[in-house]
C-alpha atoms as a PDB file:
ATOM      1  CA  MET A   1       4.020  -3.160  -7.415  1.00  0.00           C
ATOM      2  CA  LEU A   2       0.287  -2.611  -6.131  1.00  0.00           C
ATOM      3  CA  ILE A   3      -1.422  -4.481  -4.423  1.00  0.00           C
ATOM      4  CA  VAL A   4      -4.971  -4.306  -4.678  1.00  0.00           C
ATOM      5  CA  PRO A   5      -8.262  -6.085  -2.112  1.00  0.00           C
ATOM      6  CA  ASN A   6     -10.859  -7.339  -4.256  1.00  0.00           C
ATOM      7  CA  GLN A   7     -13.224  -6.119  -1.954  1.00  0.00           C
ATOM      8  CA  HIS A   8     -14.165  -2.057  -3.018  1.00  0.00           C
ATOM      9  CA  VAL A   9     -13.053   0.522  -0.545  1.00  0.00           C
ATOM     10  CA  ALA A  10     -12.611   4.117  -1.986  1.00  0.00           C
ATOM     11  CA  HIS A  11      -9.826   5.444  -0.233  1.00  0.00           C
ATOM     12  CA  THR A  12      -8.313   5.728   3.950  1.00  0.00           C
ATOM     13  CA  GLU A  13     -11.126   8.158   4.219  1.00  0.00           C
ATOM     14  CA  ALA A  14     -14.136   5.682   3.875  1.00  0.00           C
ATOM     15  CA  LEU A  15     -12.421   3.159   6.109  1.00  0.00           C
ATOM     16  CA  GLU A  16     -14.616   1.550   8.805  1.00  0.00           C
ATOM     17  CA  PRO A  17     -13.806  -0.752  11.441  1.00  0.00           C
ATOM     18  CA  GLU A  18     -15.013  -3.618   9.282  1.00  0.00           C
ATOM     19  CA  HIS A  19     -12.469  -3.039   7.244  1.00  0.00           C
ATOM     20  CA  ASP A  20      -9.975  -3.623  10.266  1.00  0.00           C
ATOM     21  CA  ALA A  21      -9.200  -7.060   8.264  1.00  0.00           C
ATOM     22  CA  LEU A  22      -9.072  -6.239   4.666  1.00  0.00           C
ATOM     23  CA  VAL A  23      -6.320  -3.384   5.556  1.00  0.00           C
ATOM     24  CA  GLY A  24      -4.296  -5.987   7.789  1.00  0.00           C
ATOM     25  CA  GLU A  25      -4.247  -8.753   4.479  1.00  0.00           C
ATOM     26  CA  VAL A  26      -3.791  -6.209   2.489  1.00  0.00           C
ATOM     27  CA  VAL A  27       0.006  -5.004   4.742  1.00  0.00           C
ATOM     28  CA  ARG A  28       0.382  -9.317   4.927  1.00  0.00           C
ATOM     29  CA  THR A  29      -0.089  -9.519   1.131  1.00  0.00           C
ATOM     30  CA  ALA A  30       2.330  -7.033   0.277  1.00  0.00           C
ATOM     31  CA  ARG A  31       4.810  -7.525   2.922  1.00  0.00           C
ATOM     32  CA  GLU A  32       4.601 -11.695   1.481  1.00  0.00           C
ATOM     33  CA  VAL A  33       5.001 -10.169  -2.037  1.00  0.00           C
ATOM     34  CA  ALA A  34       7.939  -8.041  -1.028  1.00  0.00           C
ATOM     35  CA  ARG A  35       9.952 -11.105   0.869  1.00  0.00           C
ATOM     36  CA  ILE A  36       9.030 -12.932  -2.847  1.00  0.00           C
ATOM     37  CA  GLU A  37      10.558 -10.481  -4.828  1.00  0.00           C
ATOM     38  CA  GLY A  38      13.743 -10.311  -2.269  1.00  0.00           C
ATOM     39  CA  LEU A  39      12.881  -6.832  -1.001  1.00  0.00           C
ATOM     40  CA  SER A  40      13.131  -8.230   3.076  1.00  0.00           C
ATOM     41  CA  GLU A  41      16.368  -7.925   3.937  1.00  0.00           C
ATOM     42  CA  ARG A  42      16.922  -4.133   2.536  1.00  0.00           C
ATOM     43  CA  GLY A  43      13.632  -2.874   3.213  1.00  0.00           C
ATOM     44  CA  TYR A  44      11.195  -1.242   1.064  1.00  0.00           C
ATOM     45  CA  ARG A  45       8.103   1.178   1.438  1.00  0.00           C
ATOM     46  CA  LEU A  46       4.442   0.697   1.382  1.00  0.00           C
ATOM     47  CA  VAL A  47       2.453   4.160   0.159  1.00  0.00           C
ATOM     48  CA  ILE A  48      -0.986   4.219   0.611  1.00  0.00           C
ATOM     49  CA  ASN A  49      -2.308   8.263  -1.375  1.00  0.00           C
ATOM     50  CA  THR A  50      -5.357   9.521  -0.320  1.00  0.00           C
ATOM     51  CA  GLY A  51      -6.675  12.427  -2.122  1.00  0.00           C
ATOM     52  CA  PRO A  52      -5.983  15.075  -5.505  1.00  0.00           C
ATOM     53  CA  ASP A  53      -3.205  16.025  -3.228  1.00  0.00           C
ATOM     54  CA  ALA A  54      -1.662  12.892  -2.672  1.00  0.00           C
ATOM     55  CA  GLN A  55      -2.586  12.005  -6.160  1.00  0.00           C
ATOM     56  CA  ASN A  56      -4.750   9.676  -5.726  1.00  0.00           C
ATOM     57  CA  SER A  57      -6.366   9.565  -9.176  1.00  0.00           C
ATOM     58  CA  VAL A  58      -7.667   5.578  -8.436  1.00  0.00           C
ATOM     59  CA  ALA A  59     -11.342   5.557  -6.483  1.00  0.00           C
ATOM     60  CA  HIS A  60      -9.968   2.003  -5.202  1.00  0.00           C
ATOM     61  CA  LEU A  61      -8.114   1.777  -2.190  1.00  0.00           C
ATOM     62  CA  HIS A  62      -4.295   0.327  -3.138  1.00  0.00           C
ATOM     63  CA  VAL A  63      -1.295   0.170  -1.780  1.00  0.00           C
ATOM     64  CA  HIS A  64       2.178   0.693  -3.194  1.00  0.00           C
ATOM     65  CA  LEU A  65       5.006  -1.841  -2.769  1.00  0.00           C
ATOM     66  CA  LEU A  66       8.087   0.072  -3.468  1.00  0.00           C
ATOM     67  CA  GLY A  67      11.858  -1.465  -3.165  1.00  0.00           C
ATOM     68  CA  GLY A  68      15.004  -2.016  -5.105  1.00  0.00           C
ATOM     69  CA  ARG A  69      16.643   0.862  -4.348  1.00  0.00           C
ATOM     70  CA  GLY A  70      17.600   3.494  -2.109  1.00  0.00           C
ATOM     71  CA  MET A  71      14.889   5.604  -0.972  1.00  0.00           C
ATOM     72  CA  GLY A  72      15.206   9.214   0.760  1.00  0.00           C
ATOM     73  CA  TRP A  73      13.718  11.064   3.756  1.00  0.00           C
ATOM     74  CA  PRO A  74      11.027  12.848   3.947  1.00  0.00           C
ATOM     75  CA  PRO A  75       9.223  11.173   0.537  1.00  0.00           C
ATOM     76  CA  GLY A  76       7.616  14.007  -1.795  1.00  0.00           C
END
């Protein structure tokens, strides 16, 4: 799933201290979606991509919520 804030921030490199509440809200929203989807017990991953090497192709901060399967480490 994708968690997208209403306020525009291009990417993590554009974050400023005034965005702290926004980032907190995005993470808490992702947690709530994970709970609703039944992912909390076994776990989930939140991913934020920044820059071309990370395949960031959307110029708006967003969080990918991944779950429902086992995931390896390191990612990528």
